[in-house]
Each structure stands twice: as structure tokens, then as C-alpha cells.
N, C-alpha and C. Protein backbone atom coordinates (compact mmCIF):
# COMPACT_ATOMS: atom_id res chain seq x y z
N MET A 1 -43.31 -32.01 51.05
CA MET A 1 -43.82 -33.40 50.14
C MET A 1 -44.71 -32.38 49.25
N ARG A 2 -45.65 -31.92 49.69
CA ARG A 2 -46.70 -31.70 48.86
C ARG A 2 -45.99 -30.35 47.81
N TYR A 3 -45.26 -29.30 48.19
CA TYR A 3 -44.19 -28.54 47.42
C TYR A 3 -44.11 -29.98 45.66
N LEU A 4 -43.03 -30.81 46.45
CA LEU A 4 -42.56 -31.42 45.18
C LEU A 4 -43.68 -31.77 44.30
N PHE A 5 -45.13 -32.15 45.28
CA PHE A 5 -46.23 -32.59 44.38
C PHE A 5 -46.58 -31.23 42.79
N ILE A 6 -46.91 -30.28 43.29
CA ILE A 6 -47.12 -29.76 43.20
C ILE A 6 -46.85 -29.03 41.91
N LEU A 7 -45.23 -29.17 42.01
CA LEU A 7 -44.40 -29.07 41.17
C LEU A 7 -44.21 -29.93 40.14
N THR A 8 -43.72 -31.01 40.13
CA THR A 8 -44.27 -32.23 39.31
C THR A 8 -45.34 -31.70 38.31
N ILE A 9 -46.64 -31.40 39.59
CA ILE A 9 -48.38 -31.66 37.72
C ILE A 9 -47.73 -29.69 37.23
N VAL A 10 -46.90 -28.87 37.40
CA VAL A 10 -46.89 -27.79 37.07
C VAL A 10 -45.79 -28.78 35.79
N LEU A 11 -44.58 -29.33 36.01
CA LEU A 11 -43.94 -29.31 35.24
C LEU A 11 -44.35 -30.29 34.15
N PHE A 12 -45.59 -31.09 34.79
CA PHE A 12 -45.67 -31.87 33.69
C PHE A 12 -46.82 -31.36 33.09
N LEU A 13 -47.26 -29.95 32.83
CA LEU A 13 -48.55 -29.60 32.32
C LEU A 13 -47.69 -28.64 31.19
N PHE A 14 -46.67 -28.27 31.79
CA PHE A 14 -45.75 -27.37 31.17
C PHE A 14 -45.10 -28.50 29.91
N ALA A 15 -44.93 -29.58 29.83
CA ALA A 15 -43.82 -30.49 29.34
C ALA A 15 -44.90 -31.29 28.26
N CYS A 16 -46.41 -31.21 28.26
CA CYS A 16 -47.16 -31.74 27.74
C CYS A 16 -47.45 -31.09 26.39
N GLY A 17 -47.75 -29.32 26.63
CA GLY A 17 -47.90 -28.87 25.84
C GLY A 17 -49.06 -28.77 25.09
N LYS A 18 -49.98 -29.37 25.98
CA LYS A 18 -51.72 -29.32 24.73
C LYS A 18 -52.05 -27.70 25.25
N ASP A 19 -53.35 -27.27 23.87
CA ASP A 19 -53.98 -26.89 24.20
C ASP A 19 -54.86 -27.49 25.28
N GLN A 20 -55.03 -28.43 25.75
CA GLN A 20 -56.48 -28.06 26.47
C GLN A 20 -57.38 -27.29 27.29
N ALA A 21 -58.31 -27.74 27.56
CA ALA A 21 -59.67 -25.84 28.23
C ALA A 21 -59.19 -26.47 30.00
N HIS A 22 -58.92 -25.63 30.70
CA HIS A 22 -58.43 -25.58 32.84
C HIS A 22 -59.93 -25.57 33.06
N HIS A 23 -60.99 -26.46 34.04
CA HIS A 23 -61.76 -25.76 34.36
C HIS A 23 -60.84 -25.15 36.20
N ASP A 24 -62.03 -24.99 35.98
CA ASP A 24 -62.26 -24.19 37.74
C ASP A 24 -63.26 -23.66 38.08
N HIS A 25 -63.69 -24.77 39.88
CA HIS A 25 -65.08 -24.55 40.13
C HIS A 25 -65.48 -23.06 40.40
N SER A 26 -64.18 -22.53 40.54
CA SER A 26 -64.35 -20.75 41.11
C SER A 26 -64.35 -20.32 39.79
N GLN A 27 -64.85 -20.80 38.56
CA GLN A 27 -64.55 -19.37 37.59
C GLN A 27 -64.14 -18.47 37.23
N LYS A 28 -62.76 -18.58 37.07
CA LYS A 28 -61.75 -17.85 37.05
C LYS A 28 -60.88 -18.03 36.20
N ILE A 29 -61.02 -19.65 35.50
CA ILE A 29 -60.26 -19.84 34.19
C ILE A 29 -61.16 -20.29 33.00
N HIS A 30 -61.47 -20.15 31.60
CA HIS A 30 -61.73 -19.55 30.76
C HIS A 30 -61.73 -20.62 30.05
N GLY A 31 -62.11 -21.51 28.89
CA GLY A 31 -61.69 -22.49 28.17
C GLY A 31 -61.90 -21.24 26.87
N MET A 32 -61.07 -20.45 26.56
CA MET A 32 -61.98 -19.63 25.61
C MET A 32 -60.16 -20.33 25.12
N PRO A 33 -60.90 -20.11 23.50
CA PRO A 33 -59.59 -21.01 22.44
C PRO A 33 -58.29 -19.47 22.64
N LYS A 34 -56.92 -20.18 21.90
CA LYS A 34 -55.39 -19.39 22.04
C LYS A 34 -55.21 -18.61 21.05
N GLU A 35 -54.95 -17.08 21.69
CA GLU A 35 -54.77 -16.46 20.20
C GLU A 35 -52.91 -16.72 19.77
N ASP A 36 -52.82 -16.50 19.03
CA ASP A 36 -51.27 -16.49 18.06
C ASP A 36 -50.19 -15.52 18.69
N VAL A 37 -50.08 -15.79 19.52
CA VAL A 37 -49.61 -14.51 20.24
C VAL A 37 -46.98 -14.52 19.84
N THR A 38 -47.16 -13.06 19.40
CA THR A 38 -45.73 -12.97 18.72
C THR A 38 -45.31 -12.56 20.05
N LYS A 39 -44.00 -12.53 21.05
CA LYS A 39 -42.90 -11.63 21.37
C LYS A 39 -41.73 -12.44 21.42
N PRO A 40 -40.68 -11.13 21.82
CA PRO A 40 -39.81 -10.90 22.21
C PRO A 40 -39.24 -12.82 22.70
N SER A 41 -37.69 -13.26 22.44
CA SER A 41 -37.05 -14.08 22.95
C SER A 41 -36.63 -13.52 24.72
N ASP A 42 -37.07 -12.69 24.72
CA ASP A 42 -36.73 -12.13 26.38
C ASP A 42 -37.48 -12.37 26.82
N GLU A 43 -39.49 -12.68 26.84
CA GLU A 43 -39.94 -12.80 27.42
C GLU A 43 -40.72 -13.49 27.16
N ARG A 44 -41.51 -14.68 28.46
CA ARG A 44 -42.14 -15.29 28.57
C ARG A 44 -44.05 -15.23 29.02
N LEU A 45 -45.36 -15.43 27.89
CA LEU A 45 -46.71 -15.80 28.59
C LEU A 45 -46.50 -16.54 29.72
N ILE A 46 -47.47 -16.16 30.61
CA ILE A 46 -47.30 -17.02 31.23
C ILE A 46 -48.64 -17.18 32.09
N TYR A 47 -49.31 -15.66 31.63
CA TYR A 47 -50.98 -16.44 32.55
C TYR A 47 -51.77 -14.61 31.92
N TYR A 48 -53.00 -15.08 31.96
CA TYR A 48 -54.05 -13.69 31.69
C TYR A 48 -54.52 -13.69 32.68
N THR A 49 -54.50 -12.12 33.30
CA THR A 49 -55.34 -11.01 34.54
C THR A 49 -55.76 -10.07 33.89
N CYS A 50 -56.51 -10.03 35.55
CA CYS A 50 -57.56 -8.64 34.79
C CYS A 50 -56.83 -7.56 35.55
N PRO A 51 -56.34 -6.41 34.24
CA PRO A 51 -55.60 -4.63 34.64
C PRO A 51 -55.89 -4.48 36.14
N MET A 52 -57.03 -4.85 36.83
CA MET A 52 -57.10 -4.07 38.06
C MET A 52 -56.32 -4.15 38.69
N GLU A 53 -55.99 -4.10 39.97
CA GLU A 53 -55.24 -4.73 41.11
C GLU A 53 -56.30 -5.00 41.54
N THR A 54 -57.45 -4.91 41.66
CA THR A 54 -58.50 -5.58 42.97
C THR A 54 -58.37 -6.28 42.63
N HIS A 55 -59.00 -6.95 41.38
CA HIS A 55 -58.93 -8.29 40.31
C HIS A 55 -57.80 -9.19 39.74
N LYS A 56 -57.12 -8.77 40.53
CA LYS A 56 -55.70 -9.03 40.73
C LYS A 56 -55.43 -11.87 40.87
N GLU A 57 -56.23 -11.60 41.50
CA GLU A 57 -57.07 -13.53 41.55
C GLU A 57 -57.55 -13.97 40.85
N VAL A 58 -57.86 -13.18 39.38
CA VAL A 58 -58.23 -13.52 38.14
C VAL A 58 -56.99 -13.77 37.01
N HIS A 59 -57.28 -14.86 36.74
CA HIS A 59 -56.20 -15.89 36.06
C HIS A 59 -57.07 -16.99 34.91
N SER A 60 -56.27 -16.92 33.73
CA SER A 60 -56.84 -17.62 32.80
C SER A 60 -55.41 -17.87 31.71
N ALA A 61 -55.74 -19.31 31.41
CA ALA A 61 -54.88 -19.47 30.48
C ALA A 61 -54.91 -19.07 28.95
N ARG A 62 -55.99 -18.73 28.83
CA ARG A 62 -56.74 -18.28 27.70
C ARG A 62 -56.65 -16.93 28.26
N PRO A 63 -56.80 -15.97 26.66
CA PRO A 63 -57.10 -14.05 26.88
C PRO A 63 -59.17 -14.44 27.23
N GLY A 64 -59.38 -13.26 27.67
CA GLY A 64 -61.12 -13.71 27.93
C GLY A 64 -61.18 -12.24 28.31
N GLN A 65 -62.19 -12.23 28.91
CA GLN A 65 -62.67 -10.94 30.00
C GLN A 65 -62.73 -11.43 31.44
N CYS A 66 -62.40 -10.70 32.65
CA CYS A 66 -62.64 -10.51 33.68
C CYS A 66 -64.18 -10.71 34.12
N PRO A 67 -64.45 -12.68 34.68
CA PRO A 67 -65.98 -11.83 35.23
C PRO A 67 -65.88 -11.65 36.02
N GLU A 68 -65.43 -10.62 36.94
CA GLU A 68 -65.95 -9.89 38.32
C GLU A 68 -66.19 -7.81 37.62
N CYS A 69 -65.57 -7.86 36.25
CA CYS A 69 -65.75 -6.72 36.55
C CYS A 69 -65.99 -5.91 34.16
N GLY A 70 -65.09 -7.56 34.05
CA GLY A 70 -65.84 -7.21 32.43
C GLY A 70 -64.47 -6.88 31.68
N MET A 71 -64.03 -6.40 31.98
CA MET A 71 -62.53 -5.66 31.18
C MET A 71 -62.29 -7.13 30.39
N GLU A 72 -61.06 -6.08 28.93
CA GLU A 72 -60.17 -7.88 28.93
C GLU A 72 -59.33 -8.08 29.63
N LEU A 73 -59.03 -9.42 29.86
CA LEU A 73 -57.25 -9.73 30.06
C LEU A 73 -56.68 -9.54 29.53
N VAL A 74 -55.86 -9.04 30.12
CA VAL A 74 -54.01 -8.37 29.72
C VAL A 74 -52.93 -9.74 30.14
N ALA A 75 -51.98 -10.63 29.35
CA ALA A 75 -50.75 -11.43 29.25
C ALA A 75 -50.18 -10.38 30.84
N GLY A 76 -49.88 -11.09 31.12
CA GLY A 76 -48.99 -11.82 32.72
C GLY A 76 -47.62 -12.35 31.88
N VAL A 77 -46.26 -11.39 31.77
CA VAL A 77 -45.45 -12.12 31.05
C VAL A 77 -44.18 -12.26 31.59
N ILE A 78 -43.19 -12.99 31.81
CA ILE A 78 -41.99 -13.22 32.38
C ILE A 78 -40.98 -12.24 31.61
N THR A 79 -40.14 -11.34 32.37
CA THR A 79 -39.29 -10.20 31.37
C THR A 79 -38.05 -10.35 32.14
N THR A 80 -37.45 -8.95 31.81
CA THR A 80 -36.24 -8.65 31.76
C THR A 80 -36.34 -7.99 32.90
N GLU A 81 -35.37 -7.68 33.86
CA GLU A 81 -35.36 -6.69 34.84
C GLU A 81 -35.94 -5.19 35.02
N ASP A 82 -35.22 -4.94 33.19
CA ASP A 82 -34.83 -3.57 32.80
C ASP A 82 -36.55 -3.55 32.41
N LYS A 83 -37.88 -3.87 31.96
CA LYS A 83 -38.81 -3.79 31.69
C LYS A 83 -39.73 -3.91 32.34
N MET A 84 -39.39 -4.75 33.61
CA MET A 84 -40.23 -5.39 34.51
C MET A 84 -41.26 -4.90 35.17
N GLU A 85 -42.37 -4.98 35.84
CA GLU A 85 -43.34 -3.96 36.46
C GLU A 85 -43.88 -4.36 37.60
N TYR A 86 -42.81 -5.60 38.38
CA TYR A 86 -42.90 -6.08 39.24
C TYR A 86 -42.60 -7.89 39.75
N TYR A 87 -42.54 -8.45 40.57
CA TYR A 87 -42.21 -9.76 41.12
C TYR A 87 -43.00 -10.34 40.46
N GLY A 88 -43.63 -11.78 40.67
CA GLY A 88 -44.69 -12.64 40.43
C GLY A 88 -44.26 -13.86 39.94
N CYS A 89 -44.79 -14.59 41.09
CA CYS A 89 -44.89 -16.04 40.92
C CYS A 89 -45.38 -16.48 39.53
N PRO A 90 -44.30 -17.60 38.88
CA PRO A 90 -44.88 -17.94 37.47
C PRO A 90 -45.51 -19.14 37.68
N MET A 91 -46.67 -19.59 38.74
CA MET A 91 -47.87 -20.67 38.96
C MET A 91 -48.60 -19.20 38.31
N LEU A 92 -50.01 -20.83 37.32
CA LEU A 92 -51.18 -19.58 36.62
C LEU A 92 -51.50 -19.26 37.71
N THR A 93 -52.25 -19.64 38.84
CA THR A 93 -52.92 -20.43 39.62
C THR A 93 -52.26 -19.03 41.08
N HIS A 94 -50.74 -18.40 41.44
CA HIS A 94 -50.49 -17.68 41.30
C HIS A 94 -50.80 -15.92 41.24
N SER A 95 -51.64 -15.60 39.73
CA SER A 95 -51.45 -14.78 39.55
C SER A 95 -51.68 -12.89 40.54
N TYR A 96 -52.10 -14.06 41.91
CA TYR A 96 -52.32 -12.68 43.07
C TYR A 96 -50.44 -12.65 43.91
N VAL A 97 -49.46 -13.48 43.19
CA VAL A 97 -48.28 -12.92 44.39
C VAL A 97 -47.66 -11.55 44.19
N ARG A 98 -47.45 -11.22 43.60
CA ARG A 98 -46.75 -9.54 43.68
C ARG A 98 -45.86 -9.20 44.01
N SER A 99 -44.38 -8.68 44.03
CA SER A 99 -43.74 -8.01 44.91
C SER A 99 -42.30 -7.08 44.33
N ASP A 100 -42.22 -6.03 44.93
CA ASP A 100 -41.35 -5.14 45.23
C ASP A 100 -40.75 -5.36 44.76
N THR A 101 -40.05 -6.18 45.82
CA THR A 101 -38.29 -7.42 45.44
C THR A 101 -38.32 -8.29 45.63
N ALA A 102 -37.47 -8.88 44.89
CA ALA A 102 -37.01 -10.46 44.92
C ALA A 102 -37.33 -11.31 45.98
N GLY A 103 -37.69 -12.48 45.43
CA GLY A 103 -37.97 -14.32 46.47
C GLY A 103 -38.51 -14.78 46.43
N THR A 104 -39.25 -15.44 47.13
CA THR A 104 -39.88 -16.78 46.75
C THR A 104 -40.95 -16.24 47.56
N CYS A 105 -42.19 -16.92 45.90
CA CYS A 105 -43.93 -17.29 46.28
C CYS A 105 -44.20 -17.81 47.65
N ALA A 106 -44.94 -17.34 48.70
CA ALA A 106 -45.56 -17.63 50.14
C ALA A 106 -46.25 -19.05 49.99
N ASP A 107 -46.95 -19.96 48.46
CA ASP A 107 -47.38 -20.10 49.02
C ASP A 107 -46.55 -21.50 48.11
N CYS A 108 -45.85 -21.17 47.16
CA CYS A 108 -45.72 -22.56 46.66
C CYS A 108 -43.76 -22.82 46.83
N GLY A 109 -43.56 -21.66 46.95
CA GLY A 109 -41.31 -21.29 47.84
C GLY A 109 -40.83 -21.21 45.79
N MET A 110 -42.01 -20.80 45.32
CA MET A 110 -41.77 -21.33 43.65
C MET A 110 -40.23 -19.39 43.76
N GLU A 111 -39.23 -19.39 43.22
CA GLU A 111 -38.50 -17.90 42.67
C GLU A 111 -39.35 -17.24 42.20
N LEU A 112 -38.92 -15.68 42.70
CA LEU A 112 -40.11 -14.78 41.82
C LEU A 112 -39.84 -14.79 41.02
N LYS A 113 -40.35 -14.58 40.27
CA LYS A 113 -39.56 -13.63 38.21
C LYS A 113 -40.26 -12.68 38.46
N PRO A 114 -39.53 -11.55 37.30
CA PRO A 114 -39.84 -9.89 36.96
C PRO A 114 -40.87 -10.53 35.83
N MET A 115 -41.75 -10.19 35.81
CA MET A 115 -43.18 -9.92 35.24
C MET A 115 -43.68 -8.77 34.60
N ARG A 116 -43.97 -8.25 33.94
CA ARG A 116 -44.70 -6.90 33.73
C ARG A 116 -46.39 -8.40 32.61
N LEU A 117 -47.25 -6.83 32.84
CA LEU A 117 -48.67 -7.69 32.24
C LEU A 117 -48.24 -6.06 30.61
N VAL A 118 -48.59 -6.89 29.92
CA VAL A 118 -49.13 -6.17 28.65
C VAL A 118 -50.43 -5.63 28.47
N LYS A 119 -49.97 -4.29 28.31
CA LYS A 119 -52.07 -3.51 28.36
C LYS A 119 -52.53 -3.60 27.41
N GLU A 120 -51.60 -3.18 26.08
CA GLU A 120 -52.29 -3.05 24.99
C GLU A 120 -52.48 -3.72 23.70
N LYS A 121 -52.77 -4.76 23.41
CA LYS A 121 -53.72 -5.24 22.02
C LYS A 121 -52.63 -5.46 21.11
N LYS A 122 -52.48 -4.21 20.72
CA LYS A 122 -51.56 -4.43 19.37
C LYS A 122 -49.75 -4.36 20.40
N GLU A 123 -49.54 -4.44 21.24
CA GLU A 123 -48.41 -4.80 21.33
C GLU A 123 -47.53 -6.00 21.80
N SER A 124 -46.98 -6.16 21.22
CA SER A 124 -46.47 -7.99 20.91
C SER A 124 -45.78 -8.18 22.42
N ILE A 125 -46.31 -9.22 22.85
CA ILE A 125 -45.08 -9.48 24.06
C ILE A 125 -44.27 -10.74 23.32
């Protein structure tokens, strides 16, 4: 029942398509303005996260800086298997779920997707 509720909320948020600021008491989600992103049709922006492996739990719907180290957040995108760096959960709040093999997210049960981090600003996603 809990998973159905979470899935419903996620689908609702994606369907709305509104540019609303998200608030999180952990202050790991920032209310910064969205950047215009040019991306190939085979990739989809999911979240922004810290490029440091030790801060992979930091997530944001918008670009900004990591609250733990100050580094610029990078885009986490769903991509094709030939470009992927890891399998990850497509939920914003599960940016820390990363695996070398396909499977499901231990937290929500969603299928892990092929993902990569876009680490350079000039690289298009």
C-alpha cells in the first residue's frame, strides 16, 4: 500500500510539470531556478546530485551547490546502456541508490534505470 501511495505521488509530480520549489527539512533540496537544458532524445534529466561518491545522497530538482562540500551539483540522467555509468533509482529522493547490475530499488521497488552523471557544464544532456 505504501509503495502504491509513493508511486501515485511521483506520477502526480511528473504529470504536473510545474516549476515549483520543493522544500526538504534536511536542506538537501534547493529552491534555485531551473536551467534550460539541451539534451539528446535518448536521455532524460532526473535530478542534480553531488559528483562526490560520499555525497551521493545530496539531491535537488535544480542546479546548485552541494551543502556538504560546496561543489557544483551535476545532472543525473537516465541514458542508454552504452553510455551508462551505473543503474540507479529514477526517484529524486533515491539518488543514493546505485548499482553495477540491473534490479529494483530496495527502498521503493522501482526498476533501476541505466544512468550517468553529466559532470561538465558544457556537455549537453
